[in-house]
Amino acid sequence: MIVKNVAQRAEFSPEKMGKVSLGAGAHLYAGLNCFLPGQEHQAHVHADQDKMYVVMAGCGEARVGDETHAVEPGDLILATAGVMHGLKNTGTEPFSVLVVFGPPPKAK
Protein backbone atom coordinates (compact mmCIF):
# COMPACT_ATOMS: atom_id res chain seq x y z
CA MET A 1 0.00 0.00 0.00
CA ILE A 2 1.19 3.49 -0.84
CA VAL A 3 -0.58 6.50 0.65
CA LYS A 4 0.27 9.75 -1.08
CA ASN A 5 0.01 13.28 0.33
CA VAL A 6 -0.44 12.14 3.94
CA ALA A 7 -0.33 15.64 5.44
CA GLN A 8 -3.17 16.79 3.13
CA ARG A 9 -5.47 14.06 4.48
CA ALA A 10 -5.82 15.76 7.89
CA GLU A 11 -9.43 16.22 9.06
CA PHE A 12 -10.26 18.60 11.89
CA SER A 13 -13.38 18.85 14.03
CA PRO A 14 -14.32 21.62 16.46
CA GLU A 15 -15.87 19.03 18.82
CA LYS A 16 -12.85 16.78 19.35
CA MET A 17 -9.53 15.60 18.00
CA GLY A 18 -9.87 14.25 14.46
CA LYS A 19 -8.64 10.76 13.55
CA VAL A 20 -7.91 9.60 10.02
CA SER A 21 -7.07 5.97 9.31
CA LEU A 22 -4.37 5.63 6.63
CA GLY A 23 -3.89 1.87 6.63
CA ALA A 24 -3.48 -1.25 8.72
CA GLY A 25 -1.95 -4.65 8.45
CA ALA A 26 -1.89 -7.65 10.75
CA HIS A 27 0.84 -6.08 12.92
CA LEU A 28 0.89 -2.33 12.26
CA TYR A 29 -1.51 0.64 11.99
CA ALA A 30 -0.97 4.14 10.56
CA GLY A 31 -3.19 7.18 10.89
CA LEU A 32 -3.35 10.90 11.57
CA ASN A 33 -4.35 12.63 14.79
CA CYS A 34 -5.59 16.14 14.02
CA PHE A 35 -5.95 18.90 16.64
CA LEU A 36 -7.38 22.38 16.44
CA PRO A 37 -5.87 24.96 18.83
CA GLY A 38 -6.41 23.91 22.46
CA GLN A 39 -7.48 20.34 21.66
CA GLU A 40 -5.65 17.44 23.24
CA HIS A 41 -5.48 13.69 23.52
CA GLN A 42 -5.42 13.19 27.28
CA ALA A 43 -2.48 11.24 28.69
CA HIS A 44 -3.20 7.52 28.62
CA VAL A 45 -1.45 4.13 28.53
CA HIS A 46 -1.59 1.16 26.17
CA ALA A 47 -0.38 -1.99 27.90
CA ASP A 48 0.29 -3.87 24.67
CA GLN A 49 1.05 -1.23 22.01
CA ASP A 50 4.20 0.65 21.06
CA LYS A 51 3.28 4.00 19.51
CA MET A 52 5.27 6.42 17.38
CA TYR A 53 4.20 9.93 16.42
CA VAL A 54 5.75 12.24 13.81
CA VAL A 55 4.65 15.87 13.83
CA MET A 56 3.49 16.81 10.32
CA ALA A 57 2.21 20.39 10.84
CA GLY A 58 1.67 22.91 13.60
CA CYS A 59 3.18 22.88 17.05
CA GLY A 60 2.18 21.35 20.32
CA GLU A 61 3.23 19.62 23.48
CA ALA A 62 4.01 15.93 23.90
CA ARG A 63 4.08 14.01 27.15
CA VAL A 64 5.83 10.65 27.43
CA GLY A 65 6.22 9.25 30.93
CA ASP A 66 7.60 12.04 33.13
CA GLU A 67 8.83 14.12 30.16
CA THR A 68 6.89 16.96 28.55
CA HIS A 69 8.34 18.87 25.58
CA ALA A 70 7.28 21.36 22.92
CA VAL A 71 7.17 19.66 19.51
CA GLU A 72 7.13 20.92 15.92
CA PRO A 73 7.18 19.50 12.37
CA GLY A 74 9.82 16.82 11.96
CA ASP A 75 9.88 15.82 15.64
CA LEU A 76 9.36 12.17 16.59
CA ILE A 77 7.70 10.97 19.79
CA LEU A 78 7.99 7.34 20.92
CA ALA A 79 5.80 5.84 23.64
CA THR A 80 6.53 2.21 24.32
CA ALA A 81 3.91 -0.15 25.75
CA GLY A 82 2.98 0.66 29.33
CA VAL A 83 4.23 4.28 29.22
CA MET A 84 1.82 7.20 29.76
CA HIS A 85 1.60 9.53 26.75
CA GLY A 86 -0.50 12.40 25.41
CA LEU A 87 -0.49 15.28 22.91
CA LYS A 88 -1.87 18.83 22.94
CA ASN A 89 -2.08 21.63 20.40
CA THR A 90 -0.52 24.60 22.19
CA GLY A 91 -0.28 26.73 19.06
CA THR A 92 -2.66 28.93 17.09
CA GLU A 93 -2.72 26.77 13.94
CA PRO A 94 -3.98 23.21 13.30
CA PHE A 95 -1.62 20.50 14.61
CA SER A 96 -1.43 17.16 12.80
CA VAL A 97 0.56 14.12 13.81
CA LEU A 98 1.24 10.89 11.95
CA VAL A 99 0.70 7.99 14.37
CA VAL A 100 2.05 4.49 13.78
CA PHE A 101 1.55 1.69 16.29
CA GLY A 102 1.45 -2.02 16.71
CA PRO A 103 -0.37 -4.14 17.16
CA PRO A 104 -3.28 -2.41 15.39
CA PRO A 105 -6.58 -1.79 17.18
CA LYS A 106 -8.81 -4.83 17.50
CA ALA A 107 -11.88 -4.89 15.27
CA LYS A 108 -15.08 -3.94 17.07
PDB file of N, CA and C in Angstrom:
ATOM      1  N   MET A   1       0.844  -1.180   0.000  1.00  0.00           N
ATOM      2  CA  MET A   1       0.000   0.000   0.000  1.00  0.00           C
ATOM      3  C   MET A   1       0.884   1.236   0.000  1.00  0.00           C
ATOM      4  N   ILE A   2       0.525   2.192  -0.808  1.00  0.00           N
ATOM      5  CA  ILE A   2       1.192   3.494  -0.840  1.00  0.00           C
ATOM      6  C   ILE A   2       0.125   4.555  -0.610  1.00  0.00           C
ATOM      7  N   VAL A   3       0.354   5.411   0.357  1.00  0.00           N
ATOM      8  CA  VAL A   3      -0.579   6.504   0.654  1.00  0.00           C
ATOM      9  C   VAL A   3       0.145   7.796   0.327  1.00  0.00           C
ATOM     10  N   LYS A   4      -0.362   8.508  -0.646  1.00  0.00           N
ATOM     11  CA  LYS A   4       0.266   9.752  -1.082  1.00  0.00           C
ATOM     12  C   LYS A   4      -0.335  10.952  -0.362  1.00  0.00           C
ATOM     13  N   ASN A   5       0.469  11.999  -0.237  1.00  0.00           N
ATOM     14  CA  ASN A   5       0.014  13.278   0.332  1.00  0.00           C
ATOM     15  C   ASN A   5      -0.612  13.112   1.715  1.00  0.00           C
ATOM     16  N   VAL A   6       0.080  12.431   2.592  1.00  0.00           N
ATOM     17  CA  VAL A   6      -0.440  12.138   3.935  1.00  0.00           C
ATOM     18  C   VAL A   6      -0.858  13.408   4.674  1.00  0.00           C
ATOM     19  N   ALA A   7      -0.025  14.427   4.673  1.00  0.00           N
ATOM     20  CA  ALA A   7      -0.330  15.640   5.439  1.00  0.00           C
ATOM     21  C   ALA A   7      -1.625  16.293   4.962  1.00  0.00           C
ATOM     22  N   GLN A   8      -1.954  16.168   3.677  1.00  0.00           N
ATOM     23  CA  GLN A   8      -3.165  16.785   3.127  1.00  0.00           C
ATOM     24  C   GLN A   8      -4.429  16.018   3.492  1.00  0.00           C
ATOM     25  N   ARG A   9      -4.307  14.866   4.101  1.00  0.00           N
ATOM     26  CA  ARG A   9      -5.470  14.056   4.485  1.00  0.00           C
ATOM     27  C   ARG A   9      -6.019  14.425   5.873  1.00  0.00           C
ATOM     28  N   ALA A  10      -5.385  15.358   6.546  1.00  0.00           N
ATOM     29  CA  ALA A  10      -5.822  15.759   7.889  1.00  0.00           C
ATOM     30  C   ALA A  10      -7.273  16.235   7.870  1.00  0.00           C
ATOM     31  N   GLU A  11      -8.031  15.806   8.886  1.00  0.00           N
ATOM     32  CA  GLU A  11      -9.427  16.217   9.062  1.00  0.00           C
ATOM     33  C   GLU A  11      -9.594  16.735  10.483  1.00  0.00           C
ATOM     34  N   PHE A  12     -10.115  17.945  10.593  1.00  0.00           N
ATOM     35  CA  PHE A  12     -10.256  18.598  11.889  1.00  0.00           C
ATOM     36  C   PHE A  12     -11.728  18.759  12.243  1.00  0.00           C
ATOM     37  N   SER A  13     -12.023  18.703  13.541  1.00  0.00           N
ATOM     38  CA  SER A  13     -13.383  18.845  14.031  1.00  0.00           C
ATOM     39  C   SER A  13     -13.367  19.785  15.238  1.00  0.00           C
ATOM     40  N   PRO A  14     -14.295  20.739  15.295  1.00  0.00           N
ATOM     41  CA  PRO A  14     -14.325  21.624  16.461  1.00  0.00           C
ATOM     42  C   PRO A  14     -14.739  20.907  17.743  1.00  0.00           C
ATOM     43  N   GLU A  15     -15.394  19.748  17.634  1.00  0.00           N
ATOM     44  CA  GLU A  15     -15.870  19.030  18.816  1.00  0.00           C
ATOM     45  C   GLU A  15     -14.777  18.245  19.525  1.00  0.00           C
ATOM     46  N   LYS A  16     -13.887  17.602  18.738  1.00  0.00           N
ATOM     47  CA  LYS A  16     -12.847  16.776  19.352  1.00  0.00           C
ATOM     48  C   LYS A  16     -11.738  16.511  18.346  1.00  0.00           C
ATOM     49  N   MET A  17     -10.653  15.951  18.839  1.00  0.00           N
ATOM     50  CA  MET A  17      -9.525  15.600  17.995  1.00  0.00           C
ATOM     51  C   MET A  17      -9.998  14.741  16.826  1.00  0.00           C
ATOM     52  N   GLY A  18      -9.531  15.059  15.621  1.00  0.00           N
ATOM     53  CA  GLY A  18      -9.867  14.254  14.460  1.00  0.00           C
ATOM     54  C   GLY A  18      -8.923  13.068  14.321  1.00  0.00           C
ATOM     55  N   LYS A  19      -9.450  11.958  13.807  1.00  0.00           N
ATOM     56  CA  LYS A  19      -8.640  10.764  13.547  1.00  0.00           C
ATOM     57  C   LYS A  19      -8.901  10.309  12.119  1.00  0.00           C
ATOM     58  N   VAL A  20      -7.821  10.062  11.390  1.00  0.00           N
ATOM     59  CA  VAL A  20      -7.909   9.601  10.016  1.00  0.00           C
ATOM     60  C   VAL A  20      -7.108   8.308   9.911  1.00  0.00           C
ATOM     61  N   SER A  21      -7.752   7.247   9.500  1.00  0.00           N
ATOM     62  CA  SER A  21      -7.066   5.972   9.306  1.00  0.00           C
ATOM     63  C   SER A  21      -6.399   5.989   7.933  1.00  0.00           C
ATOM     64  N   LEU A  22      -5.107   5.667   7.895  1.00  0.00           N
ATOM     65  CA  LEU A  22      -4.369   5.631   6.630  1.00  0.00           C
ATOM     66  C   LEU A  22      -4.153   4.211   6.131  1.00  0.00           C
ATOM     67  N   GLY A  23      -4.073   3.256   7.043  1.00  0.00           N
ATOM     68  CA  GLY A  23      -3.889   1.874   6.635  1.00  0.00           C
ATOM     69  C   GLY A  23      -3.527   1.004   7.813  1.00  0.00           C
ATOM     70  N   ALA A  24      -3.774  -0.297   7.652  1.00  0.00           N
ATOM     71  CA  ALA A  24      -3.476  -1.246   8.722  1.00  0.00           C
ATOM     72  C   ALA A  24      -3.128  -2.586   8.111  1.00  0.00           C
ATOM     73  N   GLY A  25      -2.277  -3.290   8.800  1.00  0.00           N
ATOM     74  CA  GLY A  25      -1.946  -4.652   8.450  1.00  0.00           C
ATOM     75  C   GLY A  25      -2.192  -5.524   9.666  1.00  0.00           C
ATOM     76  N   ALA A  26      -1.706  -6.732   9.627  1.00  0.00           N
ATOM     77  CA  ALA A  26      -1.888  -7.650  10.746  1.00  0.00           C
ATOM     78  C   ALA A  26      -1.112  -7.203  11.983  1.00  0.00           C
ATOM     79  N   HIS A  27      -0.032  -6.427  11.791  1.00  0.00           N
ATOM     80  CA  HIS A  27       0.843  -6.084  12.920  1.00  0.00           C
ATOM     81  C   HIS A  27       1.089  -4.596  13.110  1.00  0.00           C
ATOM     82  N   LEU A  28       0.561  -3.751  12.211  1.00  0.00           N
ATOM     83  CA  LEU A  28       0.889  -2.328  12.263  1.00  0.00           C
ATOM     84  C   LEU A  28      -0.298  -1.494  11.772  1.00  0.00           C
ATOM     85  N   TYR A  29      -0.456  -0.299  12.367  1.00  0.00           N
ATOM     86  CA  TYR A  29      -1.515   0.639  11.992  1.00  0.00           C
ATOM     87  C   TYR A  29      -0.886   2.004  11.756  1.00  0.00           C
ATOM     88  N   ALA A  30      -1.415   2.766  10.795  1.00  0.00           N
ATOM     89  CA  ALA A  30      -0.970   4.145  10.561  1.00  0.00           C
ATOM     90  C   ALA A  30      -2.185   5.042  10.407  1.00  0.00           C
ATOM     91  N   GLY A  31      -2.105   6.221  10.993  1.00  0.00           N
ATOM     92  CA  GLY A  31      -3.194   7.179  10.890  1.00  0.00           C
ATOM     93  C   GLY A  31      -2.705   8.578  11.203  1.00  0.00           C
ATOM     94  N   LEU A  32      -3.629   9.514  11.203  1.00  0.00           N
ATOM     95  CA  LEU A  32      -3.347  10.896  11.574  1.00  0.00           C
ATOM     96  C   LEU A  32      -4.201  11.271  12.768  1.00  0.00           C
ATOM     97  N   ASN A  33      -3.609  11.975  13.710  1.00  0.00           N
ATOM     98  CA  ASN A  33      -4.347  12.625  14.786  1.00  0.00           C
ATOM     99  C   ASN A  33      -4.305  14.114  14.471  1.00  0.00           C
ATOM    100  N   CYS A  34      -5.466  14.770  14.494  1.00  0.00           N
ATOM    101  CA  CYS A  34      -5.587  16.140  14.018  1.00  0.00           C
ATOM    102  C   CYS A  34      -6.235  17.012  15.099  1.00  0.00           C
ATOM    103  N   PHE A  35      -5.537  18.066  15.509  1.00  0.00           N
ATOM    104  CA  PHE A  35      -5.954  18.896  16.639  1.00  0.00           C
ATOM    105  C   PHE A  35      -6.121  20.345  16.220  1.00  0.00           C
ATOM    106  N   LEU A  36      -7.235  20.937  16.554  1.00  0.00           N
ATOM    107  CA  LEU A  36      -7.383  22.382  16.438  1.00  0.00           C
ATOM    108  C   LEU A  36      -6.756  23.011  17.682  1.00  0.00           C
ATOM    109  N   PRO A  37      -6.475  24.322  17.668  1.00  0.00           N
ATOM    110  CA  PRO A  37      -5.871  24.959  18.835  1.00  0.00           C
ATOM    111  C   PRO A  37      -6.616  24.629  20.130  1.00  0.00           C
ATOM    112  N   GLY A  38      -5.858  24.235  21.148  1.00  0.00           N
ATOM    113  CA  GLY A  38      -6.413  23.909  22.463  1.00  0.00           C
ATOM    114  C   GLY A  38      -6.864  22.471  22.626  1.00  0.00           C
ATOM    115  N   GLN A  39      -7.054  21.733  21.533  1.00  0.00           N
ATOM    116  CA  GLN A  39      -7.480  20.338  21.660  1.00  0.00           C
ATOM    117  C   GLN A  39      -6.323  19.456  22.110  1.00  0.00           C
ATOM    118  N   GLU A  40      -6.674  18.358  22.787  1.00  0.00           N
ATOM    119  CA  GLU A  40      -5.649  17.440  23.241  1.00  0.00           C
ATOM    120  C   GLU A  40      -6.156  16.009  23.271  1.00  0.00           C
ATOM    121  N   HIS A  41      -5.213  15.107  23.295  1.00  0.00           N
ATOM    122  CA  HIS A  41      -5.482  13.686  23.523  1.00  0.00           C
ATOM    123  C   HIS A  41      -4.921  13.438  24.916  1.00  0.00           C
ATOM    124  N   GLN A  42      -5.817  13.335  25.874  1.00  0.00           N
ATOM    125  CA  GLN A  42      -5.424  13.188  27.285  1.00  0.00           C
ATOM    126  C   GLN A  42      -4.390  12.073  27.453  1.00  0.00           C
ATOM    127  N   ALA A  43      -3.498  12.254  28.395  1.00  0.00           N
ATOM    128  CA  ALA A  43      -2.482  11.241  28.685  1.00  0.00           C
ATOM    129  C   ALA A  43      -3.158   9.919  29.029  1.00  0.00           C
ATOM    130  N   HIS A  44      -2.630   8.855  28.453  1.00  0.00           N
ATOM    131  CA  HIS A  44      -3.197   7.520  28.624  1.00  0.00           C
ATOM    132  C   HIS A  44      -2.102   6.483  28.393  1.00  0.00           C
ATOM    133  N   VAL A  45      -2.419   5.227  28.638  1.00  0.00           N
ATOM    134  CA  VAL A  45      -1.451   4.129  28.533  1.00  0.00           C
ATOM    135  C   VAL A  45      -2.058   3.010  27.693  1.00  0.00           C
ATOM    136  N   HIS A  46      -1.228   2.387  26.872  1.00  0.00           N
ATOM    137  CA  HIS A  46      -1.592   1.161  26.167  1.00  0.00           C
ATOM    138  C   HIS A  46      -0.660   0.063  26.678  1.00  0.00           C
ATOM    139  N   ALA A  47      -1.203  -0.926  27.316  1.00  0.00           N
ATOM    140  CA  ALA A  47      -0.379  -1.987  27.904  1.00  0.00           C
ATOM    141  C   ALA A  47       0.332  -2.828  26.865  1.00  0.00           C
ATOM    142  N   ASP A  48      -0.260  -2.934  25.654  1.00  0.00           N
ATOM    143  CA  ASP A  48       0.294  -3.866  24.670  1.00  0.00           C
ATOM    144  C   ASP A  48       0.635  -3.226  23.326  1.00  0.00           C
ATOM    145  N   GLN A  49       0.745  -1.895  23.270  1.00  0.00           N
ATOM    146  CA  GLN A  49       1.055  -1.231  22.008  1.00  0.00           C
ATOM    147  C   GLN A  49       2.230  -0.281  22.153  1.00  0.00           C
ATOM    148  N   ASP A  50       3.166  -0.368  21.207  1.00  0.00           N
ATOM    149  CA  ASP A  50       4.198   0.650  21.057  1.00  0.00           C
ATOM    150  C   ASP A  50       3.647   1.668  20.073  1.00  0.00           C
ATOM    151  N   LYS A  51       3.864   2.953  20.345  1.00  0.00           N
ATOM    152  CA  LYS A  51       3.277   3.997  19.514  1.00  0.00           C
ATOM    153  C   LYS A  51       4.338   5.027  19.156  1.00  0.00           C
ATOM    154  N   MET A  52       4.348   5.416  17.875  1.00  0.00           N
ATOM    155  CA  MET A  52       5.273   6.423  17.382  1.00  0.00           C
ATOM    156  C   MET A  52       4.469   7.533  16.722  1.00  0.00           C
ATOM    157  N   TYR A  53       4.823   8.777  17.027  1.00  0.00           N
ATOM    158  CA  TYR A  53       4.195   9.932  16.416  1.00  0.00           C
ATOM    159  C   TYR A  53       5.257  10.738  15.684  1.00  0.00           C
ATOM    160  N   VAL A  54       4.890  11.305  14.523  1.00  0.00           N
ATOM    161  CA  VAL A  54       5.749  12.238  13.812  1.00  0.00           C
ATOM    162  C   VAL A  54       4.914  13.487  13.544  1.00  0.00           C
ATOM    163  N   VAL A  55       5.382  14.631  14.022  1.00  0.00           N
ATOM    164  CA  VAL A  55       4.648  15.874  13.828  1.00  0.00           C
ATOM    165  C   VAL A  55       4.739  16.275  12.359  1.00  0.00           C
ATOM    166  N   MET A  56       3.567  16.450  11.740  1.00  0.00           N
ATOM    167  CA  MET A  56       3.489  16.813  10.324  1.00  0.00           C
ATOM    168  C   MET A  56       3.326  18.324  10.140  1.00  0.00           C
ATOM    169  N   ALA A  57       2.489  18.958  10.977  1.00  0.00           N
ATOM    170  CA  ALA A  57       2.206  20.385  10.840  1.00  0.00           C
ATOM    171  C   ALA A  57       1.791  20.958  12.182  1.00  0.00           C
ATOM    172  N   GLY A  58       2.058  22.234  12.367  1.00  0.00           N
ATOM    173  CA  GLY A  58       1.673  22.915  13.596  1.00  0.00           C
ATOM    174  C   GLY A  58       2.671  22.660  14.714  1.00  0.00           C
ATOM    175  N   CYS A  59       2.308  23.104  15.892  1.00  0.00           N
ATOM    176  CA  CYS A  59       3.176  22.880  17.051  1.00  0.00           C
ATOM    177  C   CYS A  59       2.303  22.486  18.230  1.00  0.00           C
ATOM    178  N   GLY A  60       2.926  21.819  19.162  1.00  0.00           N
ATOM    179  CA  GLY A  60       2.177  21.350  20.317  1.00  0.00           C
ATOM    180  C   GLY A  60       3.090  20.932  21.439  1.00  0.00           C
ATOM    181  N   GLU A  61       2.522  20.124  22.307  1.00  0.00           N
ATOM    182  CA  GLU A  61       3.231  19.622  23.480  1.00  0.00           C
ATOM    183  C   GLU A  61       3.007  18.120  23.540  1.00  0.00           C
ATOM    184  N   ALA A  62       4.088  17.384  23.782  1.00  0.00           N
ATOM    185  CA  ALA A  62       4.010  15.935  23.905  1.00  0.00           C
ATOM    186  C   ALA A  62       4.456  15.527  25.298  1.00  0.00           C
ATOM    187  N   ARG A  63       3.712  14.581  25.854  1.00  0.00           N
ATOM    188  CA  ARG A  63       4.084  14.010  27.146  1.00  0.00           C
ATOM    189  C   ARG A  63       4.350  12.529  26.929  1.00  0.00           C
ATOM    190  N   VAL A  64       5.489  12.069  27.417  1.00  0.00           N
ATOM    191  CA  VAL A  64       5.834  10.649  27.425  1.00  0.00           C
ATOM    192  C   VAL A  64       6.439  10.354  28.785  1.00  0.00           C
ATOM    193  N   GLY A  65       5.754   9.526  29.571  1.00  0.00           N
ATOM    194  CA  GLY A  65       6.225   9.248  30.925  1.00  0.00           C
ATOM    195  C   GLY A  65       6.277  10.537  31.723  1.00  0.00           C
ATOM    196  N   ASP A  66       7.420  10.830  32.325  1.00  0.00           N
ATOM    197  CA  ASP A  66       7.595  12.037  33.129  1.00  0.00           C
ATOM    198  C   ASP A  66       8.094  13.233  32.324  1.00  0.00           C
ATOM    199  N   GLU A  67       8.309  13.050  31.021  1.00  0.00           N
ATOM    200  CA  GLU A  67       8.826  14.119  30.162  1.00  0.00           C
ATOM    201  C   GLU A  67       7.698  14.837  29.428  1.00  0.00           C
ATOM    202  N   THR A  68       7.794  16.155  29.349  1.00  0.00           N
ATOM    203  CA  THR A  68       6.892  16.965  28.546  1.00  0.00           C
ATOM    204  C   THR A  68       7.743  17.952  27.770  1.00  0.00           C
ATOM    205  N   HIS A  69       7.533  17.991  26.428  1.00  0.00           N
ATOM    206  CA  HIS A  69       8.338  18.867  25.577  1.00  0.00           C
ATOM    207  C   HIS A  69       7.477  19.517  24.509  1.00  0.00           C
ATOM    208  N   ALA A  70       7.877  20.724  24.095  1.00  0.00           N
ATOM    209  CA  ALA A  70       7.282  21.364  22.923  1.00  0.00           C
ATOM    210  C   ALA A  70       7.745  20.574  21.704  1.00  0.00           C
ATOM    211  N   VAL A  71       6.838  20.394  20.728  1.00  0.00           N
ATOM    212  CA  VAL A  71       7.171  19.656  19.509  1.00  0.00           C
ATOM    213  C   VAL A  71       6.717  20.454  18.295  1.00  0.00           C
ATOM    214  N   GLU A  72       7.404  20.210  17.166  1.00  0.00           N
ATOM    215  CA  GLU A  72       7.127  20.920  15.917  1.00  0.00           C
ATOM    216  C   GLU A  72       7.368  19.976  14.749  1.00  0.00           C
ATOM    217  N   PRO A  73       7.023  20.396  13.524  1.00  0.00           N
ATOM    218  CA  PRO A  73       7.176  19.502  12.370  1.00  0.00           C
ATOM    219  C   PRO A  73       8.568  18.882  12.288  1.00  0.00           C
ATOM    220  N   GLY A  74       8.574  17.571  12.048  1.00  0.00           N
ATOM    221  CA  GLY A  74       9.816  16.816  11.960  1.00  0.00           C
ATOM    222  C   GLY A  74      10.205  16.115  13.250  1.00  0.00           C
ATOM    223  N   ASP A  75       9.557  16.467  14.361  1.00  0.00           N
ATOM    224  CA  ASP A  75       9.876  15.822  15.640  1.00  0.00           C
ATOM    225  C   ASP A  75       9.192  14.461  15.732  1.00  0.00           C
ATOM    226  N   LEU A  76       9.860  13.527  16.382  1.00  0.00           N
ATOM    227  CA  LEU A  76       9.358  12.171  16.587  1.00  0.00           C
ATOM    228  C   LEU A  76       9.144  11.936  18.069  1.00  0.00           C
ATOM    229  N   ILE A  77       8.031  11.315  18.408  1.00  0.00           N
ATOM    230  CA  ILE A  77       7.695  10.972  19.793  1.00  0.00           C
ATOM    231  C   ILE A  77       7.484   9.468  19.841  1.00  0.00           C
ATOM    232  N   LEU A  78       8.121   8.794  20.792  1.00  0.00           N
ATOM    233  CA  LEU A  78       7.985   7.344  20.917  1.00  0.00           C
ATOM    234  C   LEU A  78       7.494   6.997  22.311  1.00  0.00           C
ATOM    235  N   ALA A  79       6.360   6.305  22.371  1.00  0.00           N
ATOM    236  CA  ALA A  79       5.797   5.843  23.638  1.00  0.00           C
ATOM    237  C   ALA A  79       5.714   4.320  23.569  1.00  0.00           C
ATOM    238  N   THR A  80       6.552   3.667  24.321  1.00  0.00           N
ATOM    239  CA  THR A  80       6.531   2.210  24.325  1.00  0.00           C
ATOM    240  C   THR A  80       5.379   1.709  25.192  1.00  0.00           C
ATOM    241  N   ALA A  81       5.015   0.458  25.008  1.00  0.00           N
ATOM    242  CA  ALA A  81       3.911  -0.147  25.746  1.00  0.00           C
ATOM    243  C   ALA A  81       4.075   0.090  27.238  1.00  0.00           C
ATOM    244  N   GLY A  82       2.975   0.456  27.890  1.00  0.00           N
ATOM    245  CA  GLY A  82       2.982   0.659  29.326  1.00  0.00           C
ATOM    246  C   GLY A  82       3.406   2.043  29.784  1.00  0.00           C
ATOM    247  N   VAL A  83       3.768   2.940  28.852  1.00  0.00           N
ATOM    248  CA  VAL A  83       4.226   4.280  29.217  1.00  0.00           C
ATOM    249  C   VAL A  83       3.123   5.297  28.915  1.00  0.00           C
ATOM    250  N   MET A  84       2.809   6.142  29.899  1.00  0.00           N
ATOM    251  CA  MET A  84       1.818   7.201  29.758  1.00  0.00           C
ATOM    252  C   MET A  84       2.249   8.160  28.653  1.00  0.00           C
ATOM    253  N   HIS A  85       1.285   8.588  27.817  1.00  0.00           N
ATOM    254  CA  HIS A  85       1.601   9.534  26.752  1.00  0.00           C
ATOM    255  C   HIS A  85       0.360  10.344  26.377  1.00  0.00           C
ATOM    256  N   GLY A  86       0.588  11.541  25.844  1.00  0.00           N
ATOM    257  CA  GLY A  86      -0.498  12.404  25.409  1.00  0.00           C
ATOM    258  C   GLY A  86       0.038  13.534  24.552  1.00  0.00           C
ATOM    259  N   LEU A  87      -0.852  14.180  23.799  1.00  0.00           N
ATOM    260  CA  LEU A  87      -0.495  15.280  22.908  1.00  0.00           C
ATOM    261  C   LEU A  87      -1.481  16.424  23.078  1.00  0.00           C
ATOM    262  N   LYS A  88      -0.999  17.661  22.849  1.00  0.00           N
ATOM    263  CA  LYS A  88      -1.865  18.830  22.938  1.00  0.00           C
ATOM    264  C   LYS A  88      -1.408  19.873  21.930  1.00  0.00           C
ATOM    265  N   ASN A  89      -2.387  20.506  21.280  1.00  0.00           N
ATOM    266  CA  ASN A  89      -2.078  21.626  20.402  1.00  0.00           C
ATOM    267  C   ASN A  89      -1.964  22.867  21.269  1.00  0.00           C
ATOM    268  N   THR A  90      -0.759  23.400  21.395  1.00  0.00           N
ATOM    269  CA  THR A  90      -0.522  24.599  22.192  1.00  0.00           C
ATOM    270  C   THR A  90      -0.353  25.826  21.313  1.00  0.00           C
ATOM    271  N   GLY A  91      -0.482  25.636  19.998  1.00  0.00           N
ATOM    272  CA  GLY A  91      -0.285  26.733  19.063  1.00  0.00           C
ATOM    273  C   GLY A  91      -1.593  27.389  18.647  1.00  0.00           C
ATOM    274  N   THR A  92      -1.497  28.210  17.617  1.00  0.00           N
ATOM    275  CA  THR A  92      -2.658  28.934  17.092  1.00  0.00           C
ATOM    276  C   THR A  92      -3.111  28.382  15.747  1.00  0.00           C
ATOM    277  N   GLU A  93      -2.410  27.394  15.225  1.00  0.00           N
ATOM    278  CA  GLU A  93      -2.722  26.768  13.938  1.00  0.00           C
ATOM    279  C   GLU A  93      -3.075  25.297  14.160  1.00  0.00           C
ATOM    280  N   PRO A  94      -3.720  24.655  13.186  1.00  0.00           N
ATOM    281  CA  PRO A  94      -3.978  23.213  13.301  1.00  0.00           C
ATOM    282  C   PRO A  94      -2.670  22.438  13.489  1.00  0.00           C
ATOM    283  N   PHE A  95      -2.766  21.348  14.235  1.00  0.00           N
ATOM    284  CA  PHE A  95      -1.620  20.503  14.614  1.00  0.00           C
ATOM    285  C   PHE A  95      -1.969  19.093  14.151  1.00  0.00           C
ATOM    286  N   SER A  96      -1.157  18.525  13.260  1.00  0.00           N
ATOM    287  CA  SER A  96      -1.428  17.162  12.800  1.00  0.00           C
ATOM    288  C   SER A  96      -0.202  16.291  13.019  1.00  0.00           C
ATOM    289  N   VAL A  97      -0.481  15.053  13.402  1.00  0.00           N
ATOM    290  CA  VAL A  97       0.562  14.122  13.810  1.00  0.00           C
ATOM    291  C   VAL A  97       0.302  12.767  13.165  1.00  0.00           C
ATOM    292  N   LEU A  98       1.310  12.248  12.463  1.00  0.00           N
ATOM    293  CA  LEU A  98       1.245  10.887  11.950  1.00  0.00           C
ATOM    294  C   LEU A  98       1.439   9.948  13.127  1.00  0.00           C
ATOM    295  N   VAL A  99       0.576   8.961  13.275  1.00  0.00           N
ATOM    296  CA  VAL A  99       0.696   7.991  14.366  1.00  0.00           C
ATOM    297  C   VAL A  99       0.822   6.602  13.750  1.00  0.00           C
ATOM    298  N   VAL A 100       1.821   5.860  14.233  1.00  0.00           N
ATOM    299  CA  VAL A 100       2.054   4.490  13.784  1.00  0.00           C
ATOM    300  C   VAL A 100       2.197   3.639  15.035  1.00  0.00           C
ATOM    301  N   PHE A 101       1.429   2.542  15.111  1.00  0.00           N
ATOM    302  CA  PHE A 101       1.549   1.695  16.286  1.00  0.00           C
ATOM    303  C   PHE A 101       1.238   0.248  15.971  1.00  0.00           C
ATOM    304  N   GLY A 102       1.696  -0.600  16.838  1.00  0.00           N
ATOM    305  CA  GLY A 102       1.449  -2.024  16.710  1.00  0.00           C
ATOM    306  C   GLY A 102       1.347  -2.635  18.087  1.00  0.00           C
ATOM    307  N   PRO A 103       0.515  -3.626  18.210  1.00  0.00           N
ATOM    308  CA  PRO A 103      -0.374  -4.141  17.162  1.00  0.00           C
ATOM    309  C   PRO A 103      -1.505  -3.163  16.897  1.00  0.00           C
ATOM    310  N   PRO A 104      -2.183  -3.318  15.735  1.00  0.00           N
ATOM    311  CA  PRO A 104      -3.283  -2.405  15.394  1.00  0.00           C
ATOM    312  C   PRO A 104      -4.477  -2.602  16.335  1.00  0.00           C
ATOM    313  N   PRO A 105      -5.409  -1.641  16.325  1.00  0.00           N
ATOM    314  CA  PRO A 105      -6.583  -1.791  17.178  1.00  0.00           C
ATOM    315  C   PRO A 105      -7.373  -3.041  16.780  1.00  0.00           C
ATOM    316  N   LYS A 106      -7.994  -3.642  17.764  1.00  0.00           N
ATOM    317  CA  LYS A 106      -8.814  -4.829  17.496  1.00  0.00           C
ATOM    318  C   LYS A 106     -10.127  -4.391  16.857  1.00  0.00           C
ATOM    319  N   ALA A 107     -10.608  -5.186  15.926  1.00  0.00           N
ATOM    320  CA  ALA A 107     -11.883  -4.889  15.268  1.00  0.00           C
ATOM    321  C   ALA A 107     -13.019  -4.932  16.269  1.00  0.00           C
ATOM    322  N   LYS A 108     -13.945  -4.014  16.131  1.00  0.00           N
ATOM    323  CA  LYS A 108     -15.081  -3.938  17.065  1.00  0.00           C
ATOM    324  C   LYS A 108     -16.273  -4.628  16.471  1.00  0.00           C
TER     325      LYS A 108
END
